[in-house]
Amino acid sequence: MKATKLRPFIPSGKDYTLAQHFFEDLGFEKVYSDNSLSIFRMGEQEFYLQNFHNQEFQENFMVELVVEDLDSCWTHLQTTALDKKYPIKMKEPTVYPWGKREINIIDPSGVCWHISEG
């Protein structure tokens, strides 16, 4: 799986360590970490995980992740069983009437990820 487009700042929620583990299992490499910020990378794309919690903000925060192959991404998500290891909501790929396919995940902090192919 390779990220091709990613929004850069993501709040961690109440459990910064859990969020770090989740993103590593999602397929990102942690390249830097301290008590307030971690940097994750996939391919040439990276984002900054901030040790920040504001439930109202997080529940309205969306991240777009564009990957090269959505089917491979879905297979990876199923084999890592993220929905059994973490308190997340994960929905199999949705096909919209206009042809776009997308996987939606609400991560442990409440942030909604829209994963699409591009």
PDB file of N, CA and C in Angstrom:
ATOM      1  N   MET A   1       0.848  -1.165   0.000  1.00  0.00           N
ATOM      2  CA  MET A   1       0.000   0.000   0.000  1.00  0.00           C
ATOM      3  C   MET A   1       0.898   1.234   0.000  1.00  0.00           C
ATOM      4  N   LYS A   2       0.535   2.214  -0.800  1.00  0.00           N
ATOM      5  CA  LYS A   2       1.325   3.439  -0.889  1.00  0.00           C
ATOM      6  C   LYS A   2       0.389   4.639  -0.858  1.00  0.00           C
ATOM      7  N   ALA A   3       0.645   5.579   0.027  1.00  0.00           N
ATOM      8  CA  ALA A   3      -0.161   6.795   0.091  1.00  0.00           C
ATOM      9  C   ALA A   3       0.286   7.740  -1.003  1.00  0.00           C
ATOM     10  N   THR A   4      -0.664   8.360  -1.676  1.00  0.00           N
ATOM     11  CA  THR A   4      -0.325   9.328  -2.708  1.00  0.00           C
ATOM     12  C   THR A   4      -0.789  10.736  -2.359  1.00  0.00           C
ATOM     13  N   LYS A   5      -1.714  10.863  -1.401  1.00  0.00           N
ATOM     14  CA  LYS A   5      -2.183  12.180  -0.983  1.00  0.00           C
ATOM     15  C   LYS A   5      -2.663  12.058   0.456  1.00  0.00           C
ATOM     16  N   LEU A   6      -2.287  13.011   1.292  1.00  0.00           N
ATOM     17  CA  LEU A   6      -2.640  12.914   2.702  1.00  0.00           C
ATOM     18  C   LEU A   6      -2.670  14.296   3.324  1.00  0.00           C
ATOM     19  N   ARG A   7      -3.652  14.536   4.157  1.00  0.00           N
ATOM     20  CA  ARG A   7      -3.730  15.787   4.906  1.00  0.00           C
ATOM     21  C   ARG A   7      -2.758  15.702   6.088  1.00  0.00           C
ATOM     22  N   PRO A   8      -2.011  16.742   6.426  1.00  0.00           N
ATOM     23  CA  PRO A   8      -0.854  16.572   7.303  1.00  0.00           C
ATOM     24  C   PRO A   8      -1.041  16.499   8.814  1.00  0.00           C
ATOM     25  N   PHE A   9      -2.039  17.124   9.432  1.00  0.00           N
ATOM     26  CA  PHE A   9      -2.122  17.134  10.899  1.00  0.00           C
ATOM     27  C   PHE A   9      -3.343  16.371  11.383  1.00  0.00           C
ATOM     28  N   ILE A  10      -3.132  15.437  12.323  1.00  0.00           N
ATOM     29  CA  ILE A  10      -4.212  14.607  12.836  1.00  0.00           C
ATOM     30  C   ILE A  10      -4.140  14.615  14.365  1.00  0.00           C
ATOM     31  N   PRO A  11      -5.268  14.843  15.061  1.00  0.00           N
ATOM     32  CA  PRO A  11      -5.264  14.799  16.527  1.00  0.00           C
ATOM     33  C   PRO A  11      -5.272  13.359  17.024  1.00  0.00           C
ATOM     34  N   SER A  12      -4.602  13.098  18.139  1.00  0.00           N
ATOM     35  CA  SER A  12      -4.462  11.727  18.637  1.00  0.00           C
ATOM     36  C   SER A  12      -5.645  11.256  19.471  1.00  0.00           C
ATOM     37  N   GLY A  13      -6.388  12.157  20.055  1.00  0.00           N
ATOM     38  CA  GLY A  13      -7.443  11.739  20.971  1.00  0.00           C
ATOM     39  C   GLY A  13      -6.886  11.531  22.361  1.00  0.00           C
ATOM     40  N   LYS A  14      -7.646  10.830  23.208  1.00  0.00           N
ATOM     41  CA  LYS A  14      -7.250  10.638  24.603  1.00  0.00           C
ATOM     42  C   LYS A  14      -6.003   9.794  24.765  1.00  0.00           C
ATOM     43  N   ASP A  15      -5.793   8.832  23.872  1.00  0.00           N
ATOM     44  CA  ASP A  15      -4.690   7.882  24.039  1.00  0.00           C
ATOM     45  C   ASP A  15      -3.688   8.016  22.888  1.00  0.00           C
ATOM     46  N   TYR A  16      -2.683   8.838  23.116  1.00  0.00           N
ATOM     47  CA  TYR A  16      -1.644   9.119  22.114  1.00  0.00           C
ATOM     48  C   TYR A  16      -0.895   7.846  21.715  1.00  0.00           C
ATOM     49  N   THR A  17      -0.579   6.991  22.692  1.00  0.00           N
ATOM     50  CA  THR A  17       0.146   5.744  22.408  1.00  0.00           C
ATOM     51  C   THR A  17      -0.704   4.797  21.568  1.00  0.00           C
ATOM     52  N   LEU A  18      -1.978   4.652  21.894  1.00  0.00           N
ATOM     53  CA  LEU A  18      -2.885   3.809  21.107  1.00  0.00           C
ATOM     54  C   LEU A  18      -2.971   4.309  19.671  1.00  0.00           C
ATOM     55  N   ALA A  19      -3.065   5.622  19.499  1.00  0.00           N
ATOM     56  CA  ALA A  19      -3.125   6.195  18.152  1.00  0.00           C
ATOM     57  C   ALA A  19      -1.857   5.872  17.366  1.00  0.00           C
ATOM     58  N   GLN A  20      -0.706   5.944  18.009  1.00  0.00           N
ATOM     59  CA  GLN A  20       0.554   5.608  17.333  1.00  0.00           C
ATOM     60  C   GLN A  20       0.546   4.157  16.850  1.00  0.00           C
ATOM     61  N   HIS A  21       0.143   3.239  17.721  1.00  0.00           N
ATOM     62  CA  HIS A  21       0.098   1.819  17.344  1.00  0.00           C
ATOM     63  C   HIS A  21      -0.901   1.577  16.206  1.00  0.00           C
ATOM     64  N   PHE A  22      -2.032   2.260  16.270  1.00  0.00           N
ATOM     65  CA  PHE A  22      -3.042   2.112  15.222  1.00  0.00           C
ATOM     66  C   PHE A  22      -2.475   2.497  13.860  1.00  0.00           C
ATOM     67  N   PHE A  23      -1.795   3.634  13.786  1.00  0.00           N
ATOM     68  CA  PHE A  23      -1.268   4.085  12.502  1.00  0.00           C
ATOM     69  C   PHE A  23      -0.142   3.195  11.990  1.00  0.00           C
ATOM     70  N   GLU A  24       0.637   2.627  12.891  1.00  0.00           N
ATOM     71  CA  GLU A  24       1.656   1.659  12.464  1.00  0.00           C
ATOM     72  C   GLU A  24       0.981   0.415  11.890  1.00  0.00           C
ATOM     73  N   ASP A  25      -0.073  -0.076  12.543  1.00  0.00           N
ATOM     74  CA  ASP A  25      -0.801  -1.230  12.021  1.00  0.00           C
ATOM     75  C   ASP A  25      -1.545  -0.909  10.729  1.00  0.00           C
ATOM     76  N   LEU A  26      -1.924   0.348  10.568  1.00  0.00           N
ATOM     77  CA  LEU A  26      -2.586   0.762   9.336  1.00  0.00           C
ATOM     78  C   LEU A  26      -1.626   0.693   8.147  1.00  0.00           C
ATOM     79  N   GLY A  27      -0.324   0.753   8.426  1.00  0.00           N
ATOM     80  CA  GLY A  27       0.668   0.624   7.363  1.00  0.00           C
ATOM     81  C   GLY A  27       1.646   1.776   7.277  1.00  0.00           C
ATOM     82  N   PHE A  28       1.562   2.716   8.214  1.00  0.00           N
ATOM     83  CA  PHE A  28       2.483   3.850   8.228  1.00  0.00           C
ATOM     84  C   PHE A  28       3.730   3.519   9.037  1.00  0.00           C
ATOM     85  N   GLU A  29       4.830   4.138   8.670  1.00  0.00           N
ATOM     86  CA  GLU A  29       6.090   3.996   9.409  1.00  0.00           C
ATOM     87  C   GLU A  29       6.262   5.223  10.300  1.00  0.00           C
ATOM     88  N   LYS A  30       6.515   4.998  11.592  1.00  0.00           N
ATOM     89  CA  LYS A  30       6.770   6.116  12.499  1.00  0.00           C
ATOM     90  C   LYS A  30       8.235   6.501  12.340  1.00  0.00           C
ATOM     91  N   VAL A  31       8.489   7.747  11.914  1.00  0.00           N
ATOM     92  CA  VAL A  31       9.866   8.183  11.671  1.00  0.00           C
ATOM     93  C   VAL A  31      10.379   9.145  12.741  1.00  0.00           C
ATOM     94  N   TYR A  32       9.465   9.630  13.602  1.00  0.00           N
ATOM     95  CA  TYR A  32       9.870  10.517  14.699  1.00  0.00           C
ATOM     96  C   TYR A  32       8.773  10.479  15.753  1.00  0.00           C
ATOM     97  N   SER A  33       9.162  10.599  17.027  1.00  0.00           N
ATOM     98  CA  SER A  33       8.160  10.668  18.081  1.00  0.00           C
ATOM     99  C   SER A  33       8.736  11.301  19.339  1.00  0.00           C
ATOM    100  N   ASP A  34       7.929  12.156  19.969  1.00  0.00           N
ATOM    101  CA  ASP A  34       8.223  12.645  21.317  1.00  0.00           C
ATOM    102  C   ASP A  34       6.884  12.688  22.062  1.00  0.00           C
ATOM    103  N   ASN A  35       6.785  13.405  23.155  1.00  0.00           N
ATOM    104  CA  ASN A  35       5.563  13.409  23.962  1.00  0.00           C
ATOM    105  C   ASN A  35       4.400  14.173  23.348  1.00  0.00           C
ATOM    106  N   SER A  36       4.658  14.996  22.344  1.00  0.00           N
ATOM    107  CA  SER A  36       3.580  15.811  21.795  1.00  0.00           C
ATOM    108  C   SER A  36       3.358  15.644  20.300  1.00  0.00           C
ATOM    109  N   LEU A  37       4.303  15.011  19.601  1.00  0.00           N
ATOM    110  CA  LEU A  37       4.198  14.918  18.147  1.00  0.00           C
ATOM    111  C   LEU A  37       4.890  13.659  17.635  1.00  0.00           C
ATOM    112  N   SER A  38       4.251  12.990  16.697  1.00  0.00           N
ATOM    113  CA  SER A  38       4.867  11.864  15.989  1.00  0.00           C
ATOM    114  C   SER A  38       4.716  12.112  14.494  1.00  0.00           C
ATOM    115  N   ILE A  39       5.708  11.714  13.743  1.00  0.00           N
ATOM    116  CA  ILE A  39       5.641  11.846  12.290  1.00  0.00           C
ATOM    117  C   ILE A  39       5.548  10.448  11.696  1.00  0.00           C
ATOM    118  N   PHE A  40       4.550  10.256  10.846  1.00  0.00           N
ATOM    119  CA  PHE A  40       4.326   8.971  10.180  1.00  0.00           C
ATOM    120  C   PHE A  40       4.465   9.153   8.682  1.00  0.00           C
ATOM    121  N   ARG A  41       4.985   8.130   8.028  1.00  0.00           N
ATOM    122  CA  ARG A  41       5.237   8.203   6.587  1.00  0.00           C
ATOM    123  C   ARG A  41       4.765   6.929   5.905  1.00  0.00           C
ATOM    124  N   MET A  42       4.239   7.112   4.697  1.00  0.00           N
ATOM    125  CA  MET A  42       3.905   5.999   3.811  1.00  0.00           C
ATOM    126  C   MET A  42       4.304   6.458   2.415  1.00  0.00           C
ATOM    127  N   GLY A  43       5.288   5.795   1.843  1.00  0.00           N
ATOM    128  CA  GLY A  43       5.800   6.257   0.556  1.00  0.00           C
ATOM    129  C   GLY A  43       6.400   7.637   0.725  1.00  0.00           C
ATOM    130  N   GLU A  44       6.006   8.560  -0.136  1.00  0.00           N
ATOM    131  CA  GLU A  44       6.510   9.929  -0.042  1.00  0.00           C
ATOM    132  C   GLU A  44       5.617  10.826   0.802  1.00  0.00           C
ATOM    133  N   GLN A  45       4.484  10.302   1.278  1.00  0.00           N
ATOM    134  CA  GLN A  45       3.544  11.108   2.038  1.00  0.00           C
ATOM    135  C   GLN A  45       3.761  10.935   3.538  1.00  0.00           C
ATOM    136  N   GLU A  46       3.542  12.012   4.276  1.00  0.00           N
ATOM    137  CA  GLU A  46       3.659  11.915   5.717  1.00  0.00           C
ATOM    138  C   GLU A  46       2.596  12.774   6.382  1.00  0.00           C
ATOM    139  N   PHE A  47       2.319  12.454   7.652  1.00  0.00           N
ATOM    140  CA  PHE A  47       1.430  13.283   8.448  1.00  0.00           C
ATOM    141  C   PHE A  47       1.989  13.382   9.852  1.00  0.00           C
ATOM    142  N   TYR A  48       1.470  14.366  10.573  1.00  0.00           N
ATOM    143  CA  TYR A  48       1.925  14.656  11.923  1.00  0.00           C
ATOM    144  C   TYR A  48       0.787  14.333  12.887  1.00  0.00           C
ATOM    145  N   LEU A  49       1.031  13.395  13.783  1.00  0.00           N
ATOM    146  CA  LEU A  49       0.071  13.035  14.811  1.00  0.00           C
ATOM    147  C   LEU A  49       0.351  13.908  16.025  1.00  0.00           C
ATOM    148  N   GLN A  50      -0.619  14.728  16.398  1.00  0.00           N
ATOM    149  CA  GLN A  50      -0.453  15.628  17.524  1.00  0.00           C
ATOM    150  C   GLN A  50      -1.108  15.043  18.767  1.00  0.00           C
ATOM    151  N   ASN A  51      -0.431  15.131  19.886  1.00  0.00           N
ATOM    152  CA  ASN A  51      -0.990  14.679  21.153  1.00  0.00           C
ATOM    153  C   ASN A  51      -2.001  15.735  21.589  1.00  0.00           C
ATOM    154  N   PHE A  52      -3.215  15.595  21.083  1.00  0.00           N
ATOM    155  CA  PHE A  52      -4.256  16.604  21.241  1.00  0.00           C
ATOM    156  C   PHE A  52      -5.604  15.914  21.380  1.00  0.00           C
ATOM    157  N   HIS A  53      -6.416  16.359  22.315  1.00  0.00           N
ATOM    158  CA  HIS A  53      -7.739  15.777  22.493  1.00  0.00           C
ATOM    159  C   HIS A  53      -8.795  16.857  22.655  1.00  0.00           C
ATOM    160  N   ASN A  54      -9.752  16.849  21.757  1.00  0.00           N
ATOM    161  CA  ASN A  54     -10.939  17.683  21.832  1.00  0.00           C
ATOM    162  C   ASN A  54     -12.008  16.916  21.079  1.00  0.00           C
ATOM    163  N   GLN A  55     -12.856  16.180  21.807  1.00  0.00           N
ATOM    164  CA  GLN A  55     -13.790  15.244  21.189  1.00  0.00           C
ATOM    165  C   GLN A  55     -14.677  15.899  20.130  1.00  0.00           C
ATOM    166  N   GLU A  56     -15.188  17.084  20.395  1.00  0.00           N
ATOM    167  CA  GLU A  56     -16.056  17.750  19.423  1.00  0.00           C
ATOM    168  C   GLU A  56     -15.297  18.037  18.128  1.00  0.00           C
ATOM    169  N   PHE A  57     -14.061  18.492  18.249  1.00  0.00           N
ATOM    170  CA  PHE A  57     -13.240  18.770  17.071  1.00  0.00           C
ATOM    171  C   PHE A  57     -12.956  17.482  16.302  1.00  0.00           C
ATOM    172  N   GLN A  58     -12.557  16.445  17.027  1.00  0.00           N
ATOM    173  CA  GLN A  58     -12.162  15.195  16.386  1.00  0.00           C
ATOM    174  C   GLN A  58     -13.321  14.518  15.661  1.00  0.00           C
ATOM    175  N   GLU A  59     -14.521  14.590  16.235  1.00  0.00           N
ATOM    176  CA  GLU A  59     -15.668  13.957  15.599  1.00  0.00           C
ATOM    177  C   GLU A  59     -16.083  14.670  14.320  1.00  0.00           C
ATOM    178  N   ASN A  60     -15.576  15.864  14.089  1.00  0.00           N
ATOM    179  CA  ASN A  60     -15.881  16.606  12.867  1.00  0.00           C
ATOM    180  C   ASN A  60     -14.659  16.745  11.965  1.00  0.00           C
ATOM    181  N   PHE A  61     -13.601  16.002  12.264  1.00  0.00           N
ATOM    182  CA  PHE A  61     -12.342  16.091  11.520  1.00  0.00           C
ATOM    183  C   PHE A  61     -12.272  14.927  10.541  1.00  0.00           C
ATOM    184  N   MET A  62     -12.003  15.214   9.276  1.00  0.00           N
ATOM    185  CA  MET A  62     -11.908  14.165   8.269  1.00  0.00           C
ATOM    186  C   MET A  62     -10.537  14.211   7.603  1.00  0.00           C
ATOM    187  N   VAL A  63     -10.032  13.035   7.272  1.00  0.00           N
ATOM    188  CA  VAL A  63      -8.747  12.901   6.598  1.00  0.00           C
ATOM    189  C   VAL A  63      -8.976  12.156   5.299  1.00  0.00           C
ATOM    190  N   GLU A  64      -8.370  12.646   4.237  1.00  0.00           N
ATOM    191  CA  GLU A  64      -8.434  11.953   2.954  1.00  0.00           C
ATOM    192  C   GLU A  64      -7.099  11.267   2.715  1.00  0.00           C
ATOM    193  N   LEU A  65      -7.156   9.971   2.481  1.00  0.00           N
ATOM    194  CA  LEU A  65      -5.969   9.195   2.141  1.00  0.00           C
ATOM    195  C   LEU A  65      -6.213   8.586   0.773  1.00  0.00           C
ATOM    196  N   VAL A  66      -5.357   8.906  -0.185  1.00  0.00           N
ATOM    197  CA  VAL A  66      -5.469   8.354  -1.529  1.00  0.00           C
ATOM    198  C   VAL A  66      -4.374   7.309  -1.686  1.00  0.00           C
ATOM    199  N   VAL A  67      -4.763   6.104  -2.084  1.00  0.00           N
ATOM    200  CA  VAL A  67      -3.829   4.999  -2.256  1.00  0.00           C
ATOM    201  C   VAL A  67      -3.824   4.552  -3.714  1.00  0.00           C
ATOM    202  N   GLU A  68      -2.785   3.831  -4.096  1.00  0.00           N
ATOM    203  CA  GLU A  68      -2.681   3.356  -5.479  1.00  0.00           C
ATOM    204  C   GLU A  68      -3.701   2.267  -5.804  1.00  0.00           C
ATOM    205  N   ASP A  69      -3.976   1.374  -4.850  1.00  0.00           N
ATOM    206  CA  ASP A  69      -4.848   0.226  -5.110  1.00  0.00           C
ATOM    207  C   ASP A  69      -5.775   0.018  -3.913  1.00  0.00           C
ATOM    208  N   LEU A  70      -7.038   0.359  -4.076  1.00  0.00           N
ATOM    209  CA  LEU A  70      -8.000   0.264  -2.982  1.00  0.00           C
ATOM    210  C   LEU A  70      -8.255  -1.182  -2.563  1.00  0.00           C
ATOM    211  N   ASP A  71      -8.252  -2.105  -3.515  1.00  0.00           N
ATOM    212  CA  ASP A  71      -8.473  -3.510  -3.177  1.00  0.00           C
ATOM    213  C   ASP A  71      -7.344  -4.057  -2.305  1.00  0.00           C
ATOM    214  N   SER A  72      -6.106  -3.709  -2.621  1.00  0.00           N
ATOM    215  CA  SER A  72      -4.971  -4.132  -1.793  1.00  0.00           C
ATOM    216  C   SER A  72      -5.056  -3.510  -0.406  1.00  0.00           C
ATOM    217  N   CYS A  73      -5.481  -2.267  -0.340  1.00  0.00           N
ATOM    218  CA  CYS A  73      -5.645  -1.584   0.948  1.00  0.00           C
ATOM    219  C   CYS A  73      -6.690  -2.314   1.784  1.00  0.00           C
ATOM    220  N   TRP A  74      -7.823  -2.666   1.190  1.00  0.00           N
ATOM    221  CA  TRP A  74      -8.880  -3.363   1.918  1.00  0.00           C
ATOM    222  C   TRP A  74      -8.401  -4.732   2.407  1.00  0.00           C
ATOM    223  N   THR A  75      -7.652  -5.436   1.565  1.00  0.00           N
ATOM    224  CA  THR A  75      -7.091  -6.729   1.960  1.00  0.00           C
ATOM    225  C   THR A  75      -6.167  -6.561   3.160  1.00  0.00           C
ATOM    226  N   HIS A  76      -5.323  -5.524   3.127  1.00  0.00           N
ATOM    227  CA  HIS A  76      -4.417  -5.242   4.247  1.00  0.00           C
ATOM    228  C   HIS A  76      -5.214  -4.961   5.520  1.00  0.00           C
ATOM    229  N   LEU A  77      -6.259  -4.168   5.425  1.00  0.00           N
ATOM    230  CA  LEU A  77      -7.069  -3.832   6.589  1.00  0.00           C
ATOM    231  C   LEU A  77      -7.735  -5.068   7.177  1.00  0.00           C
ATOM    232  N   GLN A  78      -8.190  -5.962   6.326  1.00  0.00           N
ATOM    233  CA  GLN A  78      -8.836  -7.182   6.798  1.00  0.00           C
ATOM    234  C   GLN A  78      -7.828  -8.132   7.449  1.00  0.00           C
ATOM    235  N   THR A  79      -6.647  -8.281   6.857  1.00  0.00           N
ATOM    236  CA  THR A  79      -5.666  -9.223   7.403  1.00  0.00           C
ATOM    237  C   THR A  79      -5.060  -8.733   8.717  1.00  0.00           C
ATOM    238  N   THR A  80      -4.983  -7.427   8.908  1.00  0.00           N
ATOM    239  CA  THR A  80      -4.472  -6.908  10.181  1.00  0.00           C
ATOM    240  C   THR A  80      -5.559  -6.861  11.249  1.00  0.00           C
ATOM    241  N   ALA A  81      -6.811  -7.096  10.855  1.00  0.00           N
ATOM    242  CA  ALA A  81      -7.955  -7.139  11.784  1.00  0.00           C
ATOM    243  C   ALA A  81      -7.993  -5.918  12.698  1.00  0.00           C
ATOM    244  N   LEU A  82      -7.836  -4.739  12.112  1.00  0.00           N
ATOM    245  CA  LEU A  82      -7.820  -3.508  12.900  1.00  0.00           C
ATOM    246  C   LEU A  82      -9.091  -3.333  13.726  1.00  0.00           C
ATOM    247  N   ASP A  83     -10.229  -3.758  13.180  1.00  0.00           N
ATOM    248  CA  ASP A  83     -11.493  -3.569  13.881  1.00  0.00           C
ATOM    249  C   ASP A  83     -11.628  -4.474  15.101  1.00  0.00           C
ATOM    250  N   LYS A  84     -10.765  -5.477  15.215  1.00  0.00           N
ATOM    251  CA  LYS A  84     -10.772  -6.342  16.401  1.00  0.00           C
ATOM    252  C   LYS A  84      -9.732  -5.888  17.436  1.00  0.00           C
ATOM    253  N   LYS A  85      -8.673  -5.212  16.973  1.00  0.00           N
ATOM    254  CA  LYS A  85      -7.601  -4.765  17.859  1.00  0.00           C
ATOM    255  C   LYS A  85      -7.854  -3.385  18.464  1.00  0.00           C
ATOM    256  N   TYR A  86      -8.650  -2.570  17.783  1.00  0.00           N
ATOM    257  CA  TYR A  86      -8.836  -1.183  18.197  1.00  0.00           C
ATOM    258  C   TYR A  86     -10.320  -0.831  18.242  1.00  0.00           C
ATOM    259  N   PRO A  87     -10.664   0.170  19.047  1.00  0.00           N
ATOM    260  CA  PRO A  87     -12.061   0.615  19.086  1.00  0.00           C
ATOM    261  C   PRO A  87     -12.356   1.525  17.886  1.00  0.00           C
ATOM    262  N   ILE A  88     -12.531   0.915  16.728  1.00  0.00           N
ATOM    263  CA  ILE A  88     -12.760   1.678  15.502  1.00  0.00           C
ATOM    264  C   ILE A  88     -14.025   1.177  14.814  1.00  0.00           C
ATOM    265  N   LYS A  89     -14.476   1.973  13.865  1.00  0.00           N
ATOM    266  CA  LYS A  89     -15.557   1.562  12.965  1.00  0.00           C
ATOM    267  C   LYS A  89     -14.944   1.500  11.573  1.00  0.00           C
ATOM    268  N   MET A  90     -15.100   0.362  10.924  1.00  0.00           N
ATOM    269  CA  MET A  90     -14.508   0.169   9.599  1.00  0.00           C
ATOM    270  C   MET A  90     -15.579  -0.408   8.680  1.00  0.00           C
ATOM    271  N   LYS A  91     -15.730   0.192   7.528  1.00  0.00           N
ATOM    272  CA  LYS A  91     -16.754  -0.233   6.580  1.00  0.00           C
ATOM    273  C   LYS A  91     -16.081  -0.641   5.278  1.00  0.00           C
ATOM    274  N   GLU A  92     -16.511  -1.769   4.721  1.00  0.00           N
ATOM    275  CA  GLU A  92     -15.922  -2.241   3.467  1.00  0.00           C
ATOM    276  C   GLU A  92     -16.131  -1.209   2.368  1.00  0.00           C
ATOM    277  N   PRO A  93     -15.379  -1.334   1.262  1.00  0.00           N
ATOM    278  CA  PRO A  93     -15.451  -0.316   0.203  1.00  0.00           C
ATOM    279  C   PRO A  93     -16.891  -0.039  -0.248  1.00  0.00           C
ATOM    280  N   THR A  94     -17.195   1.246  -0.323  1.00  0.00           N
ATOM    281  CA  THR A  94     -18.492   1.714  -0.800  1.00  0.00           C
ATOM    282  C   THR A  94     -18.311   2.204  -2.222  1.00  0.00           C
ATOM    283  N   VAL A  95     -19.249   1.844  -3.092  1.00  0.00           N
ATOM    284  CA  VAL A  95     -19.237   2.349  -4.464  1.00  0.00           C
ATOM    285  C   VAL A  95     -20.361   3.369  -4.574  1.00  0.00           C
ATOM    286  N   TYR A  96     -20.006   4.605  -4.876  1.00  0.00           N
ATOM    287  CA  TYR A  96     -20.993   5.674  -4.997  1.00  0.00           C
ATOM    288  C   TYR A  96     -21.554   5.709  -6.415  1.00  0.00           C
ATOM    289  N   PRO A  97     -22.767   6.254  -6.600  1.00  0.00           N
ATOM    290  CA  PRO A  97     -23.395   6.279  -7.924  1.00  0.00           C
ATOM    291  C   PRO A  97     -22.547   6.952  -9.005  1.00  0.00           C
ATOM    292  N   TRP A  98     -21.677   7.873  -8.631  1.00  0.00           N
ATOM    293  CA  TRP A  98     -20.834   8.558  -9.611  1.00  0.00           C
ATOM    294  C   TRP A  98     -19.537   7.805  -9.892  1.00  0.00           C
ATOM    295  N   GLY A  99     -19.400   6.587  -9.327  1.00  0.00           N
ATOM    296  CA  GLY A  99     -18.274   5.715  -9.659  1.00  0.00           C
ATOM    297  C   GLY A  99     -17.125   5.685  -8.681  1.00  0.00           C
ATOM    298  N   LYS A 100     -17.063   6.634  -7.766  1.00  0.00           N
ATOM    299  CA  LYS A 100     -15.966   6.653  -6.799  1.00  0.00           C
ATOM    300  C   LYS A 100     -16.135   5.532  -5.784  1.00  0.00           C
ATOM    301  N   ARG A 101     -15.031   4.850  -5.488  1.00  0.00           N
ATOM    302  CA  ARG A 101     -15.020   3.825  -4.436  1.00  0.00           C
ATOM    303  C   ARG A 101     -14.217   4.368  -3.265  1.00  0.00           C
ATOM    304  N   GLU A 102     -14.667   4.041  -2.051  1.00  0.00           N
ATOM    305  CA  GLU A 102     -14.030   4.600  -0.874  1.00  0.00           C
ATOM    306  C   GLU A 102     -14.213   3.666   0.323  1.00  0.00           C
ATOM    307  N   ILE A 103     -13.170   3.578   1.151  1.00  0.00           N
ATOM    308  CA  ILE A 103     -13.239   2.871   2.430  1.00  0.00           C
ATOM    309  C   ILE A 103     -13.317   3.953   3.502  1.00  0.00           C
ATOM    310  N   ASN A 104     -14.216   3.773   4.448  1.00  0.00           N
ATOM    311  CA  ASN A 104     -14.353   4.741   5.532  1.00  0.00           C
ATOM    312  C   ASN A 104     -14.009   4.074   6.857  1.00  0.00           C
ATOM    313  N   ILE A 105     -13.155   4.743   7.623  1.00  0.00           N
ATOM    314  CA  ILE A 105     -12.753   4.254   8.943  1.00  0.00           C
ATOM    315  C   ILE A 105     -12.870   5.407   9.929  1.00  0.00           C
ATOM    316  N   ILE A 106     -13.474   5.149  11.062  1.00  0.00           N
ATOM    317  CA  ILE A 106     -13.418   6.111  12.162  1.00  0.00           C
ATOM    318  C   ILE A 106     -12.380   5.563  13.128  1.00  0.00           C
ATOM    319  N   ASP A 107     -11.252   6.273  13.237  1.00  0.00           N
ATOM    320  CA  ASP A 107     -10.108   5.774  14.006  1.00  0.00           C
ATOM    321  C   ASP A 107     -10.356   5.876  15.518  1.00  0.00           C
ATOM    322  N   PRO A 108      -9.418   5.382  16.338  1.00  0.00           N
ATOM    323  CA  PRO A 108      -9.633   5.370  17.792  1.00  0.00           C
ATOM    324  C   PRO A 108      -9.900   6.745  18.413  1.00  0.00           C
ATOM    325  N   SER A 109      -9.465   7.820  17.773  1.00  0.00           N
ATOM    326  CA  SER A 109      -9.689   9.153  18.344  1.00  0.00           C
ATOM    327  C   SER A 109     -11.000   9.774  17.886  1.00  0.00           C
ATOM    328  N   GLY A 110     -11.692   9.144  16.932  1.00  0.00           N
ATOM    329  CA  GLY A 110     -12.947   9.683  16.415  1.00  0.00           C
ATOM    330  C   GLY A 110     -12.806  10.378  15.072  1.00  0.00           C
ATOM    331  N   VAL A 111     -11.593  10.433  14.531  1.00  0.00           N
ATOM    332  CA  VAL A 111     -11.353  11.052  13.230  1.00  0.00           C
ATOM    333  C   VAL A 111     -11.826  10.115  12.123  1.00  0.00           C
ATOM    334  N   CYS A 112     -12.516  10.673  11.135  1.00  0.00           N
ATOM    335  CA  CYS A 112     -13.023   9.885  10.015  1.00  0.00           C
ATOM    336  C   CYS A 112     -12.020   9.914   8.849  1.00  0.00           C
ATOM    337  N   TRP A 113     -11.589   8.731   8.421  1.00  0.00           N
ATOM    338  CA  TRP A 113     -10.670   8.571   7.292  1.00  0.00           C
ATOM    339  C   TRP A 113     -11.467   8.176   6.071  1.00  0.00           C
ATOM    340  N   HIS A 114     -11.257   8.872   4.961  1.00  0.00           N
ATOM    341  CA  HIS A 114     -11.839   8.524   3.675  1.00  0.00           C
ATOM    342  C   HIS A 114     -10.677   8.032   2.810  1.00  0.00           C
ATOM    343  N   ILE A 115     -10.657   6.736   2.533  1.00  0.00           N
ATOM    344  CA  ILE A 115      -9.571   6.156   1.745  1.00  0.00           C
ATOM    345  C   ILE A 115     -10.103   5.851   0.367  1.00  0.00           C
ATOM    346  N   SER A 116      -9.466   6.436  -0.648  1.00  0.00           N
ATOM    347  CA  SER A 116      -9.903   6.233  -2.025  1.00  0.00           C
ATOM    348  C   SER A 116      -8.706   5.924  -2.907  1.00  0.00           C
ATOM    349  N   GLU A 117      -9.000   5.569  -4.137  1.00  0.00           N
ATOM    350  CA  GLU A 117      -7.971   5.179  -5.093  1.00  0.00           C
ATOM    351  C   GLU A 117      -7.684   6.357  -6.025  1.00  0.00           C
ATOM    352  N   GLY A 118      -6.433   6.550  -6.322  1.00  0.00           N
ATOM    353  CA  GLY A 118      -6.131   7.662  -7.214  1.00  0.00           C
ATOM    354  C   GLY A 118      -4.893   7.479  -8.018  1.00  0.00           C
TER     355      GLY A 118
END
